[in-house]
Amino acid sequence: DLLPAYSARHGLTAREREILALVLEGKDNQNIASSLTLSVGTVKAHVHNIYRKADVSSRQQLLQSFWRED
């Protein structure tokens, strides 16, 4: 499973890792918010932090970064 290694390498928190898993499933912020009973704003903040830690600026780049590393 690549998720734990990727999360550790980029210093993601447990919540960020949970949100990254849902992003990788193709869920949008609204669906992630509903799944985790969070506000959309909270999800956006976590996604922003994931982008910053992974040094990317879009979901597309995040997916490429995730699948490129192994």
PDB file of N, CA and C in Angstrom:
ATOM      1  N   ASP A   1       0.846  -1.201   0.000  1.00  0.00           N
ATOM      2  CA  ASP A   1       0.000   0.000   0.000  1.00  0.00           C
ATOM      3  C   ASP A   1       0.877   1.246   0.000  1.00  0.00           C
ATOM      4  N   LEU A   2       0.702   2.086  -0.989  1.00  0.00           N
ATOM      5  CA  LEU A   2       1.535   3.279  -1.149  1.00  0.00           C
ATOM      6  C   LEU A   2       1.155   4.411  -0.202  1.00  0.00           C
ATOM      7  N   LEU A   3      -0.085   4.411   0.268  1.00  0.00           N
ATOM      8  CA  LEU A   3      -0.579   5.546   1.056  1.00  0.00           C
ATOM      9  C   LEU A   3       0.230   5.818   2.328  1.00  0.00           C
ATOM     10  N   PRO A   4       0.507   4.816   3.158  1.00  0.00           N
ATOM     11  CA  PRO A   4       1.291   5.102   4.377  1.00  0.00           C
ATOM     12  C   PRO A   4       2.688   5.651   4.069  1.00  0.00           C
ATOM     13  N   ALA A   5       3.351   5.079   3.077  1.00  0.00           N
ATOM     14  CA  ALA A   5       4.701   5.541   2.728  1.00  0.00           C
ATOM     15  C   ALA A   5       4.668   6.968   2.189  1.00  0.00           C
ATOM     16  N   TYR A   6       3.719   7.249   1.299  1.00  0.00           N
ATOM     17  CA  TYR A   6       3.598   8.592   0.727  1.00  0.00           C
ATOM     18  C   TYR A   6       3.291   9.603   1.832  1.00  0.00           C
ATOM     19  N   SER A   7       2.367   9.225   2.710  1.00  0.00           N
ATOM     20  CA  SER A   7       1.959  10.117   3.808  1.00  0.00           C
ATOM     21  C   SER A   7       3.130  10.412   4.732  1.00  0.00           C
ATOM     22  N   ALA A   8       3.903   9.384   5.060  1.00  0.00           N
ATOM     23  CA  ALA A   8       5.060   9.567   5.946  1.00  0.00           C
ATOM     24  C   ALA A   8       6.118  10.440   5.272  1.00  0.00           C
ATOM     25  N   ARG A   9       6.365  10.185   3.994  1.00  0.00           N
ATOM     26  CA  ARG A   9       7.396  10.927   3.262  1.00  0.00           C
ATOM     27  C   ARG A   9       7.064  12.413   3.189  1.00  0.00           C
ATOM     28  N   HIS A  10       5.774  12.742   3.133  1.00  0.00           N
ATOM     29  CA  HIS A  10       5.371  14.141   3.008  1.00  0.00           C
ATOM     30  C   HIS A  10       4.858  14.734   4.321  1.00  0.00           C
ATOM     31  N   GLY A  11       4.944  13.987   5.401  1.00  0.00           N
ATOM     32  CA  GLY A  11       4.573  14.501   6.716  1.00  0.00           C
ATOM     33  C   GLY A  11       3.096  14.802   6.871  1.00  0.00           C
ATOM     34  N   LEU A  12       2.240  13.984   6.264  1.00  0.00           N
ATOM     35  CA  LEU A  12       0.799  14.213   6.369  1.00  0.00           C
ATOM     36  C   LEU A  12       0.273  13.746   7.721  1.00  0.00           C
ATOM     37  N   THR A  13      -0.709  14.475   8.229  1.00  0.00           N
ATOM     38  CA  THR A  13      -1.376  14.072   9.469  1.00  0.00           C
ATOM     39  C   THR A  13      -2.333  12.924   9.163  1.00  0.00           C
ATOM     40  N   ALA A  14      -2.858  12.296  10.197  1.00  0.00           N
ATOM     41  CA  ALA A  14      -3.806  11.195  10.020  1.00  0.00           C
ATOM     42  C   ALA A  14      -5.029  11.662   9.232  1.00  0.00           C
ATOM     43  N   ARG A  15      -5.539  12.864   9.524  1.00  0.00           N
ATOM     44  CA  ARG A  15      -6.718  13.382   8.824  1.00  0.00           C
ATOM     45  C   ARG A  15      -6.384  13.680   7.366  1.00  0.00           C
ATOM     46  N   GLU A  16      -5.208  14.262   7.123  1.00  0.00           N
ATOM     47  CA  GLU A  16      -4.800  14.546   5.744  1.00  0.00           C
ATOM     48  C   GLU A  16      -4.669  13.247   4.954  1.00  0.00           C
ATOM     49  N   ARG A  17      -4.161  12.231   5.603  1.00  0.00           N
ATOM     50  CA  ARG A  17      -4.017  10.926   4.949  1.00  0.00           C
ATOM     51  C   ARG A  17      -5.392  10.347   4.589  1.00  0.00           C
ATOM     52  N   GLU A  18      -6.339  10.508   5.508  1.00  0.00           N
ATOM     53  CA  GLU A  18      -7.711  10.044   5.281  1.00  0.00           C
ATOM     54  C   GLU A  18      -8.326  10.779   4.082  1.00  0.00           C
ATOM     55  N   ILE A  19      -8.107  12.080   4.026  1.00  0.00           N
ATOM     56  CA  ILE A  19      -8.644  12.884   2.928  1.00  0.00           C
ATOM     57  C   ILE A  19      -7.939  12.550   1.619  1.00  0.00           C
ATOM     58  N   LEU A  20      -6.626  12.343   1.665  1.00  0.00           N
ATOM     59  CA  LEU A  20      -5.887  11.954   0.463  1.00  0.00           C
ATOM     60  C   LEU A  20      -6.442  10.649  -0.111  1.00  0.00           C
ATOM     61  N   ALA A  21      -6.757   9.694   0.752  1.00  0.00           N
ATOM     62  CA  ALA A  21      -7.310   8.413   0.289  1.00  0.00           C
ATOM     63  C   ALA A  21      -8.605   8.647  -0.498  1.00  0.00           C
ATOM     64  N   LEU A  22      -9.444   9.559  -0.022  1.00  0.00           N
ATOM     65  CA  LEU A  22     -10.706   9.855  -0.706  1.00  0.00           C
ATOM     66  C   LEU A  22     -10.471  10.620  -2.008  1.00  0.00           C
ATOM     67  N   VAL A  23      -9.473  11.519  -2.005  1.00  0.00           N
ATOM     68  CA  VAL A  23      -9.107  12.226  -3.242  1.00  0.00           C
ATOM     69  C   VAL A  23      -8.653  11.206  -4.289  1.00  0.00           C
ATOM     70  N   LEU A  24      -7.870  10.227  -3.858  1.00  0.00           N
ATOM     71  CA  LEU A  24      -7.368   9.201  -4.776  1.00  0.00           C
ATOM     72  C   LEU A  24      -8.504   8.349  -5.349  1.00  0.00           C
ATOM     73  N   GLU A  25      -9.613   8.260  -4.598  1.00  0.00           N
ATOM     74  CA  GLU A  25     -10.795   7.536  -5.089  1.00  0.00           C
ATOM     75  C   GLU A  25     -11.599   8.375  -6.078  1.00  0.00           C
ATOM     76  N   GLY A  26     -11.179   9.635  -6.257  1.00  0.00           N
ATOM     77  CA  GLY A  26     -11.861  10.504  -7.214  1.00  0.00           C
ATOM     78  C   GLY A  26     -12.985  11.333  -6.613  1.00  0.00           C
ATOM     79  N   LYS A  27     -13.088  11.348  -5.293  1.00  0.00           N
ATOM     80  CA  LYS A  27     -14.159  12.124  -4.647  1.00  0.00           C
ATOM     81  C   LYS A  27     -13.818  13.611  -4.665  1.00  0.00           C
ATOM     82  N   ASP A  28     -14.860  14.451  -4.814  1.00  0.00           N
ATOM     83  CA  ASP A  28     -14.655  15.896  -4.748  1.00  0.00           C
ATOM     84  C   ASP A  28     -14.792  16.362  -3.299  1.00  0.00           C
ATOM     85  N   ASN A  29     -14.499  17.638  -3.071  1.00  0.00           N
ATOM     86  CA  ASN A  29     -14.510  18.159  -1.699  1.00  0.00           C
ATOM     87  C   ASN A  29     -15.855  17.969  -1.006  1.00  0.00           C
ATOM     88  N   GLN A  30     -16.947  18.167  -1.747  1.00  0.00           N
ATOM     89  CA  GLN A  30     -18.283  18.026  -1.160  1.00  0.00           C
ATOM     90  C   GLN A  30     -18.522  16.594  -0.698  1.00  0.00           C
ATOM     91  N   ASN A  31     -18.160  15.615  -1.528  1.00  0.00           N
ATOM     92  CA  ASN A  31     -18.337  14.211  -1.159  1.00  0.00           C
ATOM     93  C   ASN A  31     -17.451  13.816   0.023  1.00  0.00           C
ATOM     94  N   ILE A  32     -16.235  14.347   0.029  1.00  0.00           N
ATOM     95  CA  ILE A  32     -15.320  14.065   1.151  1.00  0.00           C
ATOM     96  C   ILE A  32     -15.913  14.644   2.437  1.00  0.00           C
ATOM     97  N   ALA A  33     -16.409  15.875   2.355  1.00  0.00           N
ATOM     98  CA  ALA A  33     -17.012  16.527   3.525  1.00  0.00           C
ATOM     99  C   ALA A  33     -18.177  15.695   4.051  1.00  0.00           C
ATOM    100  N   SER A  34     -19.028  15.220   3.164  1.00  0.00           N
ATOM    101  CA  SER A  34     -20.174  14.399   3.571  1.00  0.00           C
ATOM    102  C   SER A  34     -19.721  13.083   4.186  1.00  0.00           C
ATOM    103  N   SER A  35     -18.733  12.434   3.568  1.00  0.00           N
ATOM    104  CA  SER A  35     -18.229  11.144   4.067  1.00  0.00           C
ATOM    105  C   SER A  35     -17.664  11.255   5.476  1.00  0.00           C
ATOM    106  N   LEU A  36     -16.961  12.357   5.742  1.00  0.00           N
ATOM    107  CA  LEU A  36     -16.268  12.513   7.027  1.00  0.00           C
ATOM    108  C   LEU A  36     -17.006  13.438   7.998  1.00  0.00           C
ATOM    109  N   THR A  37     -18.209  13.851   7.621  1.00  0.00           N
ATOM    110  CA  THR A  37     -18.987  14.840   8.389  1.00  0.00           C
ATOM    111  C   THR A  37     -18.136  16.041   8.814  1.00  0.00           C
ATOM    112  N   LEU A  38     -17.553  16.659   7.793  1.00  0.00           N
ATOM    113  CA  LEU A  38     -16.784  17.892   7.968  1.00  0.00           C
ATOM    114  C   LEU A  38     -17.425  18.958   7.085  1.00  0.00           C
ATOM    115  N   SER A  39     -17.066  20.215   7.327  1.00  0.00           N
ATOM    116  CA  SER A  39     -17.533  21.262   6.418  1.00  0.00           C
ATOM    117  C   SER A  39     -16.653  21.238   5.171  1.00  0.00           C
ATOM    118  N   VAL A  40     -17.193  21.759   4.071  1.00  0.00           N
ATOM    119  CA  VAL A  40     -16.416  21.819   2.834  1.00  0.00           C
ATOM    120  C   VAL A  40     -15.178  22.691   3.050  1.00  0.00           C
ATOM    121  N   GLY A  41     -15.315  23.746   3.819  1.00  0.00           N
ATOM    122  CA  GLY A  41     -14.177  24.626   4.105  1.00  0.00           C
ATOM    123  C   GLY A  41     -13.043  23.896   4.815  1.00  0.00           C
ATOM    124  N   THR A  42     -13.396  23.023   5.736  1.00  0.00           N
ATOM    125  CA  THR A  42     -12.387  22.240   6.460  1.00  0.00           C
ATOM    126  C   THR A  42     -11.679  21.293   5.495  1.00  0.00           C
ATOM    127  N   VAL A  43     -12.445  20.660   4.628  1.00  0.00           N
ATOM    128  CA  VAL A  43     -11.847  19.759   3.631  1.00  0.00           C
ATOM    129  C   VAL A  43     -10.905  20.545   2.726  1.00  0.00           C
ATOM    130  N   LYS A  44     -11.343  21.731   2.277  1.00  0.00           N
ATOM    131  CA  LYS A  44     -10.490  22.563   1.413  1.00  0.00           C
ATOM    132  C   LYS A  44      -9.184  22.906   2.117  1.00  0.00           C
ATOM    133  N   ALA A  45      -9.261  23.218   3.399  1.00  0.00           N
ATOM    134  CA  ALA A  45      -8.050  23.551   4.157  1.00  0.00           C
ATOM    135  C   ALA A  45      -7.103  22.353   4.214  1.00  0.00           C
ATOM    136  N   HIS A  46      -7.649  21.170   4.463  1.00  0.00           N
ATOM    137  CA  HIS A  46      -6.815  19.964   4.502  1.00  0.00           C
ATOM    138  C   HIS A  46      -6.207  19.676   3.128  1.00  0.00           C
ATOM    139  N   VAL A  47      -7.013  19.804   2.071  1.00  0.00           N
ATOM    140  CA  VAL A  47      -6.513  19.559   0.711  1.00  0.00           C
ATOM    141  C   VAL A  47      -5.396  20.554   0.395  1.00  0.00           C
ATOM    142  N   HIS A  48      -5.582  21.807   0.777  1.00  0.00           N
ATOM    143  CA  HIS A  48      -4.550  22.824   0.566  1.00  0.00           C
ATOM    144  C   HIS A  48      -3.254  22.424   1.280  1.00  0.00           C
ATOM    145  N   ASN A  49      -3.370  21.958   2.521  1.00  0.00           N
ATOM    146  CA  ASN A  49      -2.181  21.537   3.269  1.00  0.00           C
ATOM    147  C   ASN A  49      -1.498  20.342   2.608  1.00  0.00           C
ATOM    148  N   ILE A  50      -2.288  19.416   2.087  1.00  0.00           N
ATOM    149  CA  ILE A  50      -1.721  18.261   1.376  1.00  0.00           C
ATOM    150  C   ILE A  50      -0.951  18.747   0.146  1.00  0.00           C
ATOM    151  N   TYR A  51      -1.547  19.665  -0.624  1.00  0.00           N
ATOM    152  CA  TYR A  51      -0.872  20.213  -1.806  1.00  0.00           C
ATOM    153  C   TYR A  51       0.465  20.838  -1.405  1.00  0.00           C
ATOM    154  N   ARG A  52       0.432  21.642  -0.333  1.00  0.00           N
ATOM    155  CA  ARG A  52       1.640  22.342   0.109  1.00  0.00           C
ATOM    156  C   ARG A  52       2.726  21.342   0.496  1.00  0.00           C
ATOM    157  N   LYS A  53       2.355  20.340   1.280  1.00  0.00           N
ATOM    158  CA  LYS A  53       3.333  19.352   1.748  1.00  0.00           C
ATOM    159  C   LYS A  53       3.872  18.490   0.608  1.00  0.00           C
ATOM    160  N   ALA A  54       3.022  18.212  -0.381  1.00  0.00           N
ATOM    161  CA  ALA A  54       3.441  17.386  -1.522  1.00  0.00           C
ATOM    162  C   ALA A  54       4.061  18.241  -2.639  1.00  0.00           C
ATOM    163  N   ASP A  55       4.058  19.564  -2.445  1.00  0.00           N
ATOM    164  CA  ASP A  55       4.622  20.510  -3.417  1.00  0.00           C
ATOM    165  C   ASP A  55       3.933  20.404  -4.783  1.00  0.00           C
ATOM    166  N   VAL A  56       2.599  20.414  -4.751  1.00  0.00           N
ATOM    167  CA  VAL A  56       1.791  20.402  -5.975  1.00  0.00           C
ATOM    168  C   VAL A  56       0.753  21.517  -5.869  1.00  0.00           C
ATOM    169  N   SER A  57       0.072  21.797  -6.981  1.00  0.00           N
ATOM    170  CA  SER A  57      -0.920  22.873  -6.934  1.00  0.00           C
ATOM    171  C   SER A  57      -2.278  22.470  -7.513  1.00  0.00           C
ATOM    172  N   SER A  58      -2.465  21.173  -7.776  1.00  0.00           N
ATOM    173  CA  SER A  58      -3.763  20.727  -8.292  1.00  0.00           C
ATOM    174  C   SER A  58      -3.970  19.252  -7.970  1.00  0.00           C
ATOM    175  N   ARG A  59      -5.220  18.809  -8.081  1.00  0.00           N
ATOM    176  CA  ARG A  59      -5.519  17.384  -7.870  1.00  0.00           C
ATOM    177  C   ARG A  59      -4.765  16.530  -8.877  1.00  0.00           C
ATOM    178  N   GLN A  60      -4.730  17.017 -10.128  1.00  0.00           N
ATOM    179  CA  GLN A  60      -4.021  16.293 -11.194  1.00  0.00           C
ATOM    180  C   GLN A  60      -2.554  16.083 -10.819  1.00  0.00           C
ATOM    181  N   GLN A  61      -1.889  17.138 -10.378  1.00  0.00           N
ATOM    182  CA  GLN A  61      -0.483  17.018  -9.980  1.00  0.00           C
ATOM    183  C   GLN A  61      -0.332  16.107  -8.767  1.00  0.00           C
ATOM    184  N   LEU A  62      -1.275  16.186  -7.844  1.00  0.00           N
ATOM    185  CA  LEU A  62      -1.228  15.334  -6.657  1.00  0.00           C
ATOM    186  C   LEU A  62      -1.306  13.863  -7.054  1.00  0.00           C
ATOM    187  N   LEU A  63      -2.234  13.544  -7.958  1.00  0.00           N
ATOM    188  CA  LEU A  63      -2.370  12.156  -8.413  1.00  0.00           C
ATOM    189  C   LEU A  63      -1.095  11.699  -9.122  1.00  0.00           C
ATOM    190  N   GLN A  64      -0.543  12.553  -9.963  1.00  0.00           N
ATOM    191  CA  GLN A  64       0.701  12.200 -10.653  1.00  0.00           C
ATOM    192  C   GLN A  64       1.827  11.985  -9.657  1.00  0.00           C
ATOM    193  N   SER A  65       1.929  12.869  -8.683  1.00  0.00           N
ATOM    194  CA  SER A  65       2.958  12.767  -7.650  1.00  0.00           C
ATOM    195  C   SER A  65       2.808  11.461  -6.867  1.00  0.00           C
ATOM    196  N   PHE A  66       1.564  11.134  -6.500  1.00  0.00           N
ATOM    197  CA  PHE A  66       1.318   9.932  -5.719  1.00  0.00           C
ATOM    198  C   PHE A  66       1.707   8.682  -6.500  1.00  0.00           C
ATOM    199  N   TRP A  67       1.246   8.571  -7.733  1.00  0.00           N
ATOM    200  CA  TRP A  67       1.490   7.345  -8.510  1.00  0.00           C
ATOM    201  C   TRP A  67       2.890   7.256  -9.072  1.00  0.00           C
ATOM    202  N   ARG A  68       3.605   8.385  -9.142  1.00  0.00           N
ATOM    203  CA  ARG A  68       4.990   8.382  -9.622  1.00  0.00           C
ATOM    204  C   ARG A  68       5.941   7.861  -8.554  1.00  0.00           C
ATOM    205  N   GLU A  69       5.638   8.165  -7.296  1.00  0.00           N
ATOM    206  CA  GLU A  69       6.505   7.734  -6.198  1.00  0.00           C
ATOM    207  C   GLU A  69       6.201   6.311  -5.812  1.00  0.00           C
ATOM    208  N   ASP A  70       7.228   5.490  -5.694  1.00  0.00           N
ATOM    209  CA  ASP A  70       7.032   4.136  -5.149  1.00  0.00           C
ATOM    210  C   ASP A  70       8.331   3.520  -4.712  1.00  0.00           C
TER     211      ASP A  70
END
